Amino acid sequence: MSDSNILVWCMFMGLTVEVKVGRKRTIVIPKAIAESLGIVEGGKVVLKVEKDKLIIEPIPDAIWLALRGEKIAEISWKEIEEISIAEQEKYVGVVRQKASVKEERHVEA
């Protein structure tokens, strides 16, 4: 049996989809399945062999995780703003300090 005649079975939420293995053992993941799992062109997947089954698991990218992934922390806009202001004040303080040192050197010269 040639590679092009091998059939791959895919289980998706109770749906069985039959796809044909093409040249160089490529398979095409149906659009509905790919979209629901976040698989995009150029994305990466992990292939696992367990007994006599091939398992394809998507490796989610950062954007997919941000939009659809499990949330492990919660922060409010108010907290973000407070942190931003504190960081800006640190930066402004450092800049003022450098300007002050530079001015002192100029006055001494």
PDB file of N, CA and C in Angstrom:
ATOM      1  N   MET A   1       0.860  -1.191   0.000  1.00  0.00           N
ATOM      2  CA  MET A   1       0.000   0.000   0.000  1.00  0.00           C
ATOM      3  C   MET A   1       0.893   1.237   0.000  1.00  0.00           C
ATOM      4  N   SER A   2       0.669   2.162  -0.948  1.00  0.00           N
ATOM      5  CA  SER A   2       1.497   3.368  -1.028  1.00  0.00           C
ATOM      6  C   SER A   2       1.024   4.404  -0.024  1.00  0.00           C
ATOM      7  N   ASP A   3       1.916   5.400   0.262  1.00  0.00           N
ATOM      8  CA  ASP A   3       1.576   6.454   1.215  1.00  0.00           C
ATOM      9  C   ASP A   3       0.289   7.180   0.836  1.00  0.00           C
ATOM     10  N   SER A   4       0.075   7.386  -0.458  1.00  0.00           N
ATOM     11  CA  SER A   4      -1.091   8.158  -0.876  1.00  0.00           C
ATOM     12  C   SER A   4      -2.401   7.410  -0.635  1.00  0.00           C
ATOM     13  N   ASN A   5      -2.335   6.095  -0.414  1.00  0.00           N
ATOM     14  CA  ASN A   5      -3.559   5.329  -0.179  1.00  0.00           C
ATOM     15  C   ASN A   5      -3.851   5.117   1.297  1.00  0.00           C
ATOM     16  N   ILE A   6      -2.922   5.522   2.153  1.00  0.00           N
ATOM     17  CA  ILE A   6      -3.133   5.336   3.593  1.00  0.00           C
ATOM     18  C   ILE A   6      -4.161   6.358   4.066  1.00  0.00           C
ATOM     19  N   LEU A   7      -5.076   5.932   4.887  1.00  0.00           N
ATOM     20  CA  LEU A   7      -6.093   6.833   5.423  1.00  0.00           C
ATOM     21  C   LEU A   7      -5.781   7.115   6.882  1.00  0.00           C
ATOM     22  N   VAL A   8      -5.947   8.346   7.266  1.00  0.00           N
ATOM     23  CA  VAL A   8      -5.725   8.752   8.648  1.00  0.00           C
ATOM     24  C   VAL A   8      -7.078   9.114   9.232  1.00  0.00           C
ATOM     25  N   TRP A   9      -7.355   8.654  10.428  1.00  0.00           N
ATOM     26  CA  TRP A   9      -8.612   8.951  11.100  1.00  0.00           C
ATOM     27  C   TRP A   9      -8.355   9.997  12.155  1.00  0.00           C
ATOM     28  N   CYS A  10      -9.201  10.971  12.230  1.00  0.00           N
ATOM     29  CA  CYS A  10      -9.045  12.059  13.185  1.00  0.00           C
ATOM     30  C   CYS A  10     -10.295  12.140  14.042  1.00  0.00           C
ATOM     31  N   MET A  11     -10.133  12.065  15.347  1.00  0.00           N
ATOM     32  CA  MET A  11     -11.278  12.191  16.244  1.00  0.00           C
ATOM     33  C   MET A  11     -11.358  13.636  16.720  1.00  0.00           C
ATOM     34  N   PHE A  12     -12.501  14.259  16.528  1.00  0.00           N
ATOM     35  CA  PHE A  12     -12.671  15.649  16.927  1.00  0.00           C
ATOM     36  C   PHE A  12     -14.052  15.820  17.531  1.00  0.00           C
ATOM     37  N   MET A  13     -14.086  15.951  18.826  1.00  0.00           N
ATOM     38  CA  MET A  13     -15.336  16.184  19.533  1.00  0.00           C
ATOM     39  C   MET A  13     -16.441  15.243  19.040  1.00  0.00           C
ATOM     40  N   GLY A  14     -16.122  13.966  18.976  1.00  0.00           N
ATOM     41  CA  GLY A  14     -17.114  12.987  18.553  1.00  0.00           C
ATOM     42  C   GLY A  14     -17.260  12.877  17.052  1.00  0.00           C
ATOM     43  N   LEU A  15     -16.566  13.687  16.298  1.00  0.00           N
ATOM     44  CA  LEU A  15     -16.643  13.674  14.840  1.00  0.00           C
ATOM     45  C   LEU A  15     -15.442  12.926  14.286  1.00  0.00           C
ATOM     46  N   THR A  16     -15.690  11.989  13.416  1.00  0.00           N
ATOM     47  CA  THR A  16     -14.604  11.262  12.765  1.00  0.00           C
ATOM     48  C   THR A  16     -14.453  11.806  11.355  1.00  0.00           C
ATOM     49  N   VAL A  17     -13.246  12.230  11.030  1.00  0.00           N
ATOM     50  CA  VAL A  17     -12.967  12.786   9.710  1.00  0.00           C
ATOM     51  C   VAL A  17     -11.885  11.941   9.065  1.00  0.00           C
ATOM     52  N   GLU A  18     -12.125  11.549   7.855  1.00  0.00           N
ATOM     53  CA  GLU A  18     -11.147  10.766   7.111  1.00  0.00           C
ATOM     54  C   GLU A  18     -10.399  11.692   6.166  1.00  0.00           C
ATOM     55  N   VAL A  19      -9.077  11.675   6.253  1.00  0.00           N
ATOM     56  CA  VAL A  19      -8.261  12.478   5.340  1.00  0.00           C
ATOM     57  C   VAL A  19      -7.250  11.567   4.666  1.00  0.00           C
ATOM     58  N   LYS A  20      -6.827  11.960   3.482  1.00  0.00           N
ATOM     59  CA  LYS A  20      -5.901  11.161   2.706  1.00  0.00           C
ATOM     60  C   LYS A  20      -4.481  11.667   2.912  1.00  0.00           C
ATOM     61  N   VAL A  21      -3.549  10.761   3.031  1.00  0.00           N
ATOM     62  CA  VAL A  21      -2.139  11.127   3.156  1.00  0.00           C
ATOM     63  C   VAL A  21      -1.606  11.359   1.745  1.00  0.00           C
ATOM     64  N   GLY A  22      -1.016  12.535   1.546  1.00  0.00           N
ATOM     65  CA  GLY A  22      -0.523  12.905   0.226  1.00  0.00           C
ATOM     66  C   GLY A  22       0.960  12.656   0.049  1.00  0.00           C
ATOM     67  N   ARG A  23       1.521  13.357  -0.928  1.00  0.00           N
ATOM     68  CA  ARG A  23       2.949  13.226  -1.217  1.00  0.00           C
ATOM     69  C   ARG A  23       3.759  13.581   0.016  1.00  0.00           C
ATOM     70  N   LYS A  24       4.839  12.890   0.183  1.00  0.00           N
ATOM     71  CA  LYS A  24       5.736  13.091   1.330  1.00  0.00           C
ATOM     72  C   LYS A  24       4.992  12.959   2.653  1.00  0.00           C
ATOM     73  N   ARG A  25       3.962  12.135   2.673  1.00  0.00           N
ATOM     74  CA  ARG A  25       3.170  11.818   3.876  1.00  0.00           C
ATOM     75  C   ARG A  25       2.495  13.041   4.492  1.00  0.00           C
ATOM     76  N   THR A  26       2.090  14.005   3.679  1.00  0.00           N
ATOM     77  CA  THR A  26       1.401  15.190   4.205  1.00  0.00           C
ATOM     78  C   THR A  26      -0.089  14.901   4.369  1.00  0.00           C
ATOM     79  N   ILE A  27      -0.663  15.532   5.401  1.00  0.00           N
ATOM     80  CA  ILE A  27      -2.111  15.455   5.576  1.00  0.00           C
ATOM     81  C   ILE A  27      -2.631  16.882   5.693  1.00  0.00           C
ATOM     82  N   VAL A  28      -3.871  17.077   5.294  1.00  0.00           N
ATOM     83  CA  VAL A  28      -4.504  18.380   5.400  1.00  0.00           C
ATOM     84  C   VAL A  28      -5.529  18.304   6.517  1.00  0.00           C
ATOM     85  N   ILE A  29      -5.385  19.197   7.493  1.00  0.00           N
ATOM     86  CA  ILE A  29      -6.325  19.243   8.613  1.00  0.00           C
ATOM     87  C   ILE A  29      -7.527  20.064   8.162  1.00  0.00           C
ATOM     88  N   PRO A  30      -8.730  19.522   8.275  1.00  0.00           N
ATOM     89  CA  PRO A  30      -9.915  20.277   7.856  1.00  0.00           C
ATOM     90  C   PRO A  30      -9.992  21.639   8.554  1.00  0.00           C
ATOM     91  N   LYS A  31     -10.467  22.641   7.816  1.00  0.00           N
ATOM     92  CA  LYS A  31     -10.498  24.025   8.287  1.00  0.00           C
ATOM     93  C   LYS A  31     -11.213  24.177   9.633  1.00  0.00           C
ATOM     94  N   ALA A  32     -12.366  23.575   9.782  1.00  0.00           N
ATOM     95  CA  ALA A  32     -13.137  23.719  11.023  1.00  0.00           C
ATOM     96  C   ALA A  32     -12.352  23.203  12.228  1.00  0.00           C
ATOM     97  N   ILE A  33     -11.662  22.092  12.042  1.00  0.00           N
ATOM     98  CA  ILE A  33     -10.868  21.517  13.126  1.00  0.00           C
ATOM     99  C   ILE A  33      -9.672  22.417  13.421  1.00  0.00           C
ATOM    100  N   ALA A  34      -8.969  22.846  12.382  1.00  0.00           N
ATOM    101  CA  ALA A  34      -7.794  23.695  12.563  1.00  0.00           C
ATOM    102  C   ALA A  34      -8.159  24.997  13.272  1.00  0.00           C
ATOM    103  N   GLU A  35      -9.230  25.630  12.845  1.00  0.00           N
ATOM    104  CA  GLU A  35      -9.641  26.897  13.460  1.00  0.00           C
ATOM    105  C   GLU A  35     -10.027  26.721  14.920  1.00  0.00           C
ATOM    106  N   SER A  36     -10.754  25.663  15.216  1.00  0.00           N
ATOM    107  CA  SER A  36     -11.194  25.471  16.597  1.00  0.00           C
ATOM    108  C   SER A  36     -10.038  25.146  17.536  1.00  0.00           C
ATOM    109  N   LEU A  37      -8.973  24.573  17.004  1.00  0.00           N
ATOM    110  CA  LEU A  37      -7.806  24.227  17.825  1.00  0.00           C
ATOM    111  C   LEU A  37      -6.701  25.273  17.748  1.00  0.00           C
ATOM    112  N   GLY A  38      -6.912  26.313  16.951  1.00  0.00           N
ATOM    113  CA  GLY A  38      -5.911  27.369  16.845  1.00  0.00           C
ATOM    114  C   GLY A  38      -4.714  26.986  15.996  1.00  0.00           C
ATOM    115  N   ILE A  39      -4.896  26.049  15.091  1.00  0.00           N
ATOM    116  CA  ILE A  39      -3.808  25.639  14.197  1.00  0.00           C
ATOM    117  C   ILE A  39      -3.849  26.529  12.965  1.00  0.00           C
ATOM    118  N   VAL A  40      -2.746  27.241  12.717  1.00  0.00           N
ATOM    119  CA  VAL A  40      -2.675  28.150  11.571  1.00  0.00           C
ATOM    120  C   VAL A  40      -1.484  27.780  10.700  1.00  0.00           C
ATOM    121  N   GLU A  41      -1.523  28.230   9.464  1.00  0.00           N
ATOM    122  CA  GLU A  41      -0.409  27.984   8.557  1.00  0.00           C
ATOM    123  C   GLU A  41       0.865  28.561   9.162  1.00  0.00           C
ATOM    124  N   GLY A  42       1.901  27.773   9.206  1.00  0.00           N
ATOM    125  CA  GLY A  42       3.160  28.209   9.801  1.00  0.00           C
ATOM    126  C   GLY A  42       3.241  27.920  11.295  1.00  0.00           C
ATOM    127  N   GLY A  43       2.097  27.552  11.890  1.00  0.00           N
ATOM    128  CA  GLY A  43       2.081  27.206  13.311  1.00  0.00           C
ATOM    129  C   GLY A  43       2.752  25.847  13.523  1.00  0.00           C
ATOM    130  N   LYS A  44       2.957  25.513  14.773  1.00  0.00           N
ATOM    131  CA  LYS A  44       3.628  24.260  15.089  1.00  0.00           C
ATOM    132  C   LYS A  44       2.683  23.314  15.813  1.00  0.00           C
ATOM    133  N   VAL A  45       2.909  22.027  15.606  1.00  0.00           N
ATOM    134  CA  VAL A  45       2.156  20.984  16.288  1.00  0.00           C
ATOM    135  C   VAL A  45       3.151  19.943  16.804  1.00  0.00           C
ATOM    136  N   VAL A  46       2.709  19.180  17.791  1.00  0.00           N
ATOM    137  CA  VAL A  46       3.505  18.071  18.313  1.00  0.00           C
ATOM    138  C   VAL A  46       2.846  16.786  17.822  1.00  0.00           C
ATOM    139  N   LEU A  47       3.656  15.887  17.292  1.00  0.00           N
ATOM    140  CA  LEU A  47       3.155  14.583  16.862  1.00  0.00           C
ATOM    141  C   LEU A  47       3.578  13.555  17.897  1.00  0.00           C
ATOM    142  N   LYS A  48       2.599  12.802  18.392  1.00  0.00           N
ATOM    143  CA  LYS A  48       2.877  11.751  19.373  1.00  0.00           C
ATOM    144  C   LYS A  48       2.338  10.433  18.839  1.00  0.00           C
ATOM    145  N   VAL A  49       3.073   9.379  19.085  1.00  0.00           N
ATOM    146  CA  VAL A  49       2.597   8.045  18.742  1.00  0.00           C
ATOM    147  C   VAL A  49       2.352   7.319  20.043  1.00  0.00           C
ATOM    148  N   GLU A  50       1.109   6.902  20.245  1.00  0.00           N
ATOM    149  CA  GLU A  50       0.730   6.130  21.420  1.00  0.00           C
ATOM    150  C   GLU A  50       0.107   4.831  20.930  1.00  0.00           C
ATOM    151  N   LYS A  51       0.802   3.749  21.184  1.00  0.00           N
ATOM    152  CA  LYS A  51       0.420   2.432  20.690  1.00  0.00           C
ATOM    153  C   LYS A  51       0.288   2.498  19.175  1.00  0.00           C
ATOM    154  N   ASP A  52      -0.918   2.363  18.647  1.00  0.00           N
ATOM    155  CA  ASP A  52      -1.092   2.383  17.194  1.00  0.00           C
ATOM    156  C   ASP A  52      -1.814   3.643  16.719  1.00  0.00           C
ATOM    157  N   LYS A  53      -1.732   4.723  17.505  1.00  0.00           N
ATOM    158  CA  LYS A  53      -2.434   5.962  17.155  1.00  0.00           C
ATOM    159  C   LYS A  53      -1.455   7.114  16.993  1.00  0.00           C
ATOM    160  N   LEU A  54      -1.769   8.003  16.069  1.00  0.00           N
ATOM    161  CA  LEU A  54      -1.021   9.240  15.884  1.00  0.00           C
ATOM    162  C   LEU A  54      -1.833  10.366  16.503  1.00  0.00           C
ATOM    163  N   ILE A  55      -1.230  11.098  17.421  1.00  0.00           N
ATOM    164  CA  ILE A  55      -1.914  12.208  18.078  1.00  0.00           C
ATOM    165  C   ILE A  55      -1.227  13.496  17.650  1.00  0.00           C
ATOM    166  N   ILE A  56      -2.028  14.457  17.189  1.00  0.00           N
ATOM    167  CA  ILE A  56      -1.512  15.757  16.764  1.00  0.00           C
ATOM    168  C   ILE A  56      -2.023  16.793  17.751  1.00  0.00           C
ATOM    169  N   GLU A  57      -1.093  17.461  18.439  1.00  0.00           N
ATOM    170  CA  GLU A  57      -1.472  18.489  19.414  1.00  0.00           C
ATOM    171  C   GLU A  57      -0.884  19.822  18.990  1.00  0.00           C
ATOM    172  N   PRO A  58      -1.717  20.861  18.916  1.00  0.00           N
ATOM    173  CA  PRO A  58      -1.190  22.176  18.539  1.00  0.00           C
ATOM    174  C   PRO A  58      -0.320  22.754  19.651  1.00  0.00           C
ATOM    175  N   ILE A  59       0.697  23.506  19.257  1.00  0.00           N
ATOM    176  CA  ILE A  59       1.506  24.270  20.201  1.00  0.00           C
ATOM    177  C   ILE A  59       1.014  25.702  20.077  1.00  0.00           C
ATOM    178  N   PRO A  60       0.253  26.186  21.053  1.00  0.00           N
ATOM    179  CA  PRO A  60      -0.327  27.525  20.932  1.00  0.00           C
ATOM    180  C   PRO A  60       0.736  28.614  21.004  1.00  0.00           C
ATOM    181  N   ASP A  61       0.557  29.670  20.204  1.00  0.00           N
ATOM    182  CA  ASP A  61       1.472  30.806  20.269  1.00  0.00           C
ATOM    183  C   ASP A  61       0.983  31.777  21.340  1.00  0.00           C
ATOM    184  N   ALA A  62       1.757  32.805  21.602  1.00  0.00           N
ATOM    185  CA  ALA A  62       1.459  33.743  22.687  1.00  0.00           C
ATOM    186  C   ALA A  62       0.113  34.446  22.492  1.00  0.00           C
ATOM    187  N   ILE A  63      -0.205  34.819  21.274  1.00  0.00           N
ATOM    188  CA  ILE A  63      -1.471  35.528  21.015  1.00  0.00           C
ATOM    189  C   ILE A  63      -2.645  34.597  21.256  1.00  0.00           C
ATOM    190  N   TRP A  64      -2.548  33.363  20.784  1.00  0.00           N
ATOM    191  CA  TRP A  64      -3.624  32.404  20.998  1.00  0.00           C
ATOM    192  C   TRP A  64      -3.822  32.175  22.496  1.00  0.00           C
ATOM    193  N   LEU A  65      -2.712  32.022  23.221  1.00  0.00           N
ATOM    194  CA  LEU A  65      -2.812  31.820  24.665  1.00  0.00           C
ATOM    195  C   LEU A  65      -3.466  33.017  25.348  1.00  0.00           C
ATOM    196  N   ALA A  66      -3.104  34.229  24.910  1.00  0.00           N
ATOM    197  CA  ALA A  66      -3.679  35.431  25.524  1.00  0.00           C
ATOM    198  C   ALA A  66      -5.186  35.500  25.296  1.00  0.00           C
ATOM    199  N   LEU A  67      -5.625  35.105  24.119  1.00  0.00           N
ATOM    200  CA  LEU A  67      -7.046  35.198  23.787  1.00  0.00           C
ATOM    201  C   LEU A  67      -7.868  34.021  24.295  1.00  0.00           C
ATOM    202  N   ARG A  68      -7.303  32.806  24.206  1.00  0.00           N
ATOM    203  CA  ARG A  68      -8.099  31.617  24.501  1.00  0.00           C
ATOM    204  C   ARG A  68      -7.539  30.744  25.617  1.00  0.00           C
ATOM    205  N   GLY A  69      -6.318  31.011  26.045  1.00  0.00           N
ATOM    206  CA  GLY A  69      -5.675  30.161  27.038  1.00  0.00           C
ATOM    207  C   GLY A  69      -6.229  30.338  28.436  1.00  0.00           C
ATOM    208  N   GLU A  70      -5.790  29.440  29.303  1.00  0.00           N
ATOM    209  CA  GLU A  70      -6.216  29.481  30.700  1.00  0.00           C
ATOM    210  C   GLU A  70      -5.647  30.730  31.360  1.00  0.00           C
ATOM    211  N   LYS A  71      -6.479  31.431  32.079  1.00  0.00           N
ATOM    212  CA  LYS A  71      -6.051  32.644  32.776  1.00  0.00           C
ATOM    213  C   LYS A  71      -5.534  32.246  34.151  1.00  0.00           C
ATOM    214  N   ILE A  72      -4.317  32.688  34.472  1.00  0.00           N
ATOM    215  CA  ILE A  72      -3.713  32.302  35.747  1.00  0.00           C
ATOM    216  C   ILE A  72      -3.565  33.489  36.701  1.00  0.00           C
ATOM    217  N   ALA A  73      -3.840  34.679  36.224  1.00  0.00           N
ATOM    218  CA  ALA A  73      -3.745  35.859  37.079  1.00  0.00           C
ATOM    219  C   ALA A  73      -4.786  36.873  36.624  1.00  0.00           C
ATOM    220  N   GLU A  74      -5.076  37.804  37.514  1.00  0.00           N
ATOM    221  CA  GLU A  74      -6.032  38.844  37.167  1.00  0.00           C
ATOM    222  C   GLU A  74      -5.473  40.181  37.639  1.00  0.00           C
ATOM    223  N   ILE A  75      -5.552  41.171  36.796  1.00  0.00           N
ATOM    224  CA  ILE A  75      -5.080  42.506  37.147  1.00  0.00           C
ATOM    225  C   ILE A  75      -6.066  43.514  36.567  1.00  0.00           C
ATOM    226  N   SER A  76      -6.357  44.537  37.322  1.00  0.00           N
ATOM    227  CA  SER A  76      -7.318  45.540  36.854  1.00  0.00           C
ATOM    228  C   SER A  76      -6.582  46.647  36.104  1.00  0.00           C
ATOM    229  N   TRP A  77      -7.348  47.435  35.352  1.00  0.00           N
ATOM    230  CA  TRP A  77      -6.758  48.571  34.638  1.00  0.00           C
ATOM    231  C   TRP A  77      -6.163  49.571  35.631  1.00  0.00           C
ATOM    232  N   LYS A  78      -6.810  49.713  36.777  1.00  0.00           N
ATOM    233  CA  LYS A  78      -6.316  50.632  37.795  1.00  0.00           C
ATOM    234  C   LYS A  78      -4.921  50.196  38.273  1.00  0.00           C
ATOM    235  N   GLU A  79      -4.750  48.897  38.504  1.00  0.00           N
ATOM    236  CA  GLU A  79      -3.443  48.379  38.929  1.00  0.00           C
ATOM    237  C   GLU A  79      -2.378  48.586  37.850  1.00  0.00           C
ATOM    238  N   ILE A  80      -2.757  48.387  36.606  1.00  0.00           N
ATOM    239  CA  ILE A  80      -1.825  48.598  35.497  1.00  0.00           C
ATOM    240  C   ILE A  80      -1.393  50.062  35.456  1.00  0.00           C
ATOM    241  N   GLU A  81      -2.355  50.961  35.604  1.00  0.00           N
ATOM    242  CA  GLU A  81      -2.050  52.393  35.577  1.00  0.00           C
ATOM    243  C   GLU A  81      -1.132  52.774  36.733  1.00  0.00           C
ATOM    244  N   GLU A  82      -1.387  52.241  37.933  1.00  0.00           N
ATOM    245  CA  GLU A  82      -0.541  52.540  39.088  1.00  0.00           C
ATOM    246  C   GLU A  82       0.898  52.074  38.862  1.00  0.00           C
ATOM    247  N   ILE A  83       1.044  50.874  38.325  1.00  0.00           N
ATOM    248  CA  ILE A  83       2.384  50.343  38.037  1.00  0.00           C
ATOM    249  C   ILE A  83       3.066  51.197  36.982  1.00  0.00           C
ATOM    250  N   SER A  84       2.327  51.587  35.954  1.00  0.00           N
ATOM    251  CA  SER A  84       2.881  52.422  34.882  1.00  0.00           C
ATOM    252  C   SER A  84       3.376  53.763  35.431  1.00  0.00           C
ATOM    253  N   ILE A  85       2.578  54.393  36.261  1.00  0.00           N
ATOM    254  CA  ILE A  85       2.964  55.690  36.842  1.00  0.00           C
ATOM    255  C   ILE A  85       4.207  55.531  37.710  1.00  0.00           C
ATOM    256  N   ALA A  86       4.264  54.479  38.514  1.00  0.00           N
ATOM    257  CA  ALA A  86       5.429  54.241  39.374  1.00  0.00           C
ATOM    258  C   ALA A  86       6.693  54.043  38.529  1.00  0.00           C
ATOM    259  N   GLU A  87       6.588  53.278  37.452  1.00  0.00           N
ATOM    260  CA  GLU A  87       7.749  53.052  36.578  1.00  0.00           C
ATOM    261  C   GLU A  87       8.176  54.343  35.890  1.00  0.00           C
ATOM    262  N   GLN A  88       7.215  55.151  35.467  1.00  0.00           N
ATOM    263  CA  GLN A  88       7.541  56.427  34.827  1.00  0.00           C
ATOM    264  C   GLN A  88       8.233  57.366  35.816  1.00  0.00           C
ATOM    265  N   GLU A  89       7.767  57.383  37.060  1.00  0.00           N
ATOM    266  CA  GLU A  89       8.390  58.225  38.078  1.00  0.00           C
ATOM    267  C   GLU A  89       9.818  57.793  38.352  1.00  0.00           C
ATOM    268  N   LYS A  90      10.069  56.475  38.367  1.00  0.00           N
ATOM    269  CA  LYS A  90      11.445  55.972  38.530  1.00  0.00           C
ATOM    270  C   LYS A  90      12.322  56.474  37.385  1.00  0.00           C
ATOM    271  N   TYR A  91      11.821  56.352  36.175  1.00  0.00           N
ATOM    272  CA  TYR A  91      12.580  56.753  34.993  1.00  0.00           C
ATOM    273  C   TYR A  91      12.866  58.253  35.021  1.00  0.00           C
ATOM    274  N   VAL A  92      11.836  59.060  35.325  1.00  0.00           N
ATOM    275  CA  VAL A  92      12.007  60.515  35.379  1.00  0.00           C
ATOM    276  C   VAL A  92      13.012  60.875  36.466  1.00  0.00           C
ATOM    277  N   GLY A  93      12.966  60.187  37.602  1.00  0.00           N
ATOM    278  CA  GLY A  93      13.919  60.441  38.679  1.00  0.00           C
ATOM    279  C   GLY A  93      15.345  60.171  38.243  1.00  0.00           C
ATOM    280  N   VAL A  94      15.572  59.097  37.522  1.00  0.00           N
ATOM    281  CA  VAL A  94      16.914  58.759  37.026  1.00  0.00           C
ATOM    282  C   VAL A  94      17.382  59.810  36.023  1.00  0.00           C
ATOM    283  N   VAL A  95      16.511  60.228  35.138  1.00  0.00           N
ATOM    284  CA  VAL A  95      16.869  61.241  34.140  1.00  0.00           C
ATOM    285  C   VAL A  95      17.219  62.557  34.828  1.00  0.00           C
ATOM    286  N   ARG A  96      16.409  62.961  35.804  1.00  0.00           N
ATOM    287  CA  ARG A  96      16.693  64.207  36.540  1.00  0.00           C
ATOM    288  C   ARG A  96      18.021  64.107  37.278  1.00  0.00           C
ATOM    289  N   GLN A  97      18.278  62.934  37.860  1.00  0.00           N
ATOM    290  CA  GLN A  97      19.519  62.734  38.600  1.00  0.00           C
ATOM    291  C   GLN A  97      20.720  62.858  37.654  1.00  0.00           C
ATOM    292  N   LYS A  98      20.652  62.268  36.488  1.00  0.00           N
ATOM    293  CA  LYS A  98      21.738  62.361  35.517  1.00  0.00           C
ATOM    294  C   LYS A  98      21.926  63.800  35.051  1.00  0.00           C
ATOM    295  N   ALA A  99      20.825  64.512  34.834  1.00  0.00           N
ATOM    296  CA  ALA A  99      20.900  65.913  34.403  1.00  0.00           C
ATOM    297  C   ALA A  99      21.541  66.759  35.496  1.00  0.00           C
ATOM    298  N   SER A 100      21.224  66.470  36.741  1.00  0.00           N
ATOM    299  CA  SER A 100      21.779  67.209  37.869  1.00  0.00           C
ATOM    300  C   SER A 100      23.289  67.004  37.957  1.00  0.00           C
ATOM    301  N   VAL A 101      23.740  65.776  37.814  1.00  0.00           N
ATOM    302  CA  VAL A 101      25.174  65.469  37.858  1.00  0.00           C
ATOM    303  C   VAL A 101      25.885  66.162  36.708  1.00  0.00           C
ATOM    304  N   LYS A 102      25.279  66.128  35.538  1.00  0.00           N
ATOM    305  CA  LYS A 102      25.866  66.761  34.361  1.00  0.00           C
ATOM    306  C   LYS A 102      25.982  68.272  34.567  1.00  0.00           C
ATOM    307  N   GLU A 103      24.954  68.874  35.164  1.00  0.00           N
ATOM    308  CA  GLU A 103      24.945  70.313  35.426  1.00  0.00           C
ATOM    309  C   GLU A 103      26.030  70.666  36.436  1.00  0.00           C
ATOM    310  N   GLU A 104      26.200  69.855  37.481  1.00  0.00           N
ATOM    311  CA  GLU A 104      27.239  70.090  38.496  1.00  0.00           C
ATOM    312  C   GLU A 104      28.623  70.056  37.863  1.00  0.00           C
ATOM    313  N   ARG A 105      28.852  69.107  36.977  1.00  0.00           N
ATOM    314  CA  ARG A 105      30.157  68.993  36.304  1.00  0.00           C
ATOM    315  C   ARG A 105      30.418  70.231  35.444  1.00  0.00           C
ATOM    316  N   HIS A 106      29.362  70.722  34.803  1.00  0.00           N
ATOM    317  CA  HIS A 106      29.492  71.896  33.947  1.00  0.00           C
ATOM    318  C   HIS A 106      29.812  73.136  34.774  1.00  0.00           C
ATOM    319  N   VAL A 107      29.203  73.282  35.931  1.00  0.00           N
ATOM    320  CA  VAL A 107      29.412  74.434  36.816  1.00  0.00           C
ATOM    321  C   VAL A 107      30.842  74.400  37.383  1.00  0.00           C
ATOM    322  N   GLU A 108      31.341  73.199  37.748  1.00  0.00           N
ATOM    323  CA  GLU A 108      32.678  73.060  38.315  1.00  0.00           C
ATOM    324  C   GLU A 108      33.746  73.391  37.284  1.00  0.00           C
ATOM    325  N   ALA A 109      33.509  73.158  36.049  1.00  0.00           N
ATOM    326  CA  ALA A 109      34.527  73.357  35.006  1.00  0.00           C
ATOM    327  C   ALA A 109      34.753  74.779  34.653  1.00  0.00           C
TER     328      ALA A 109
END
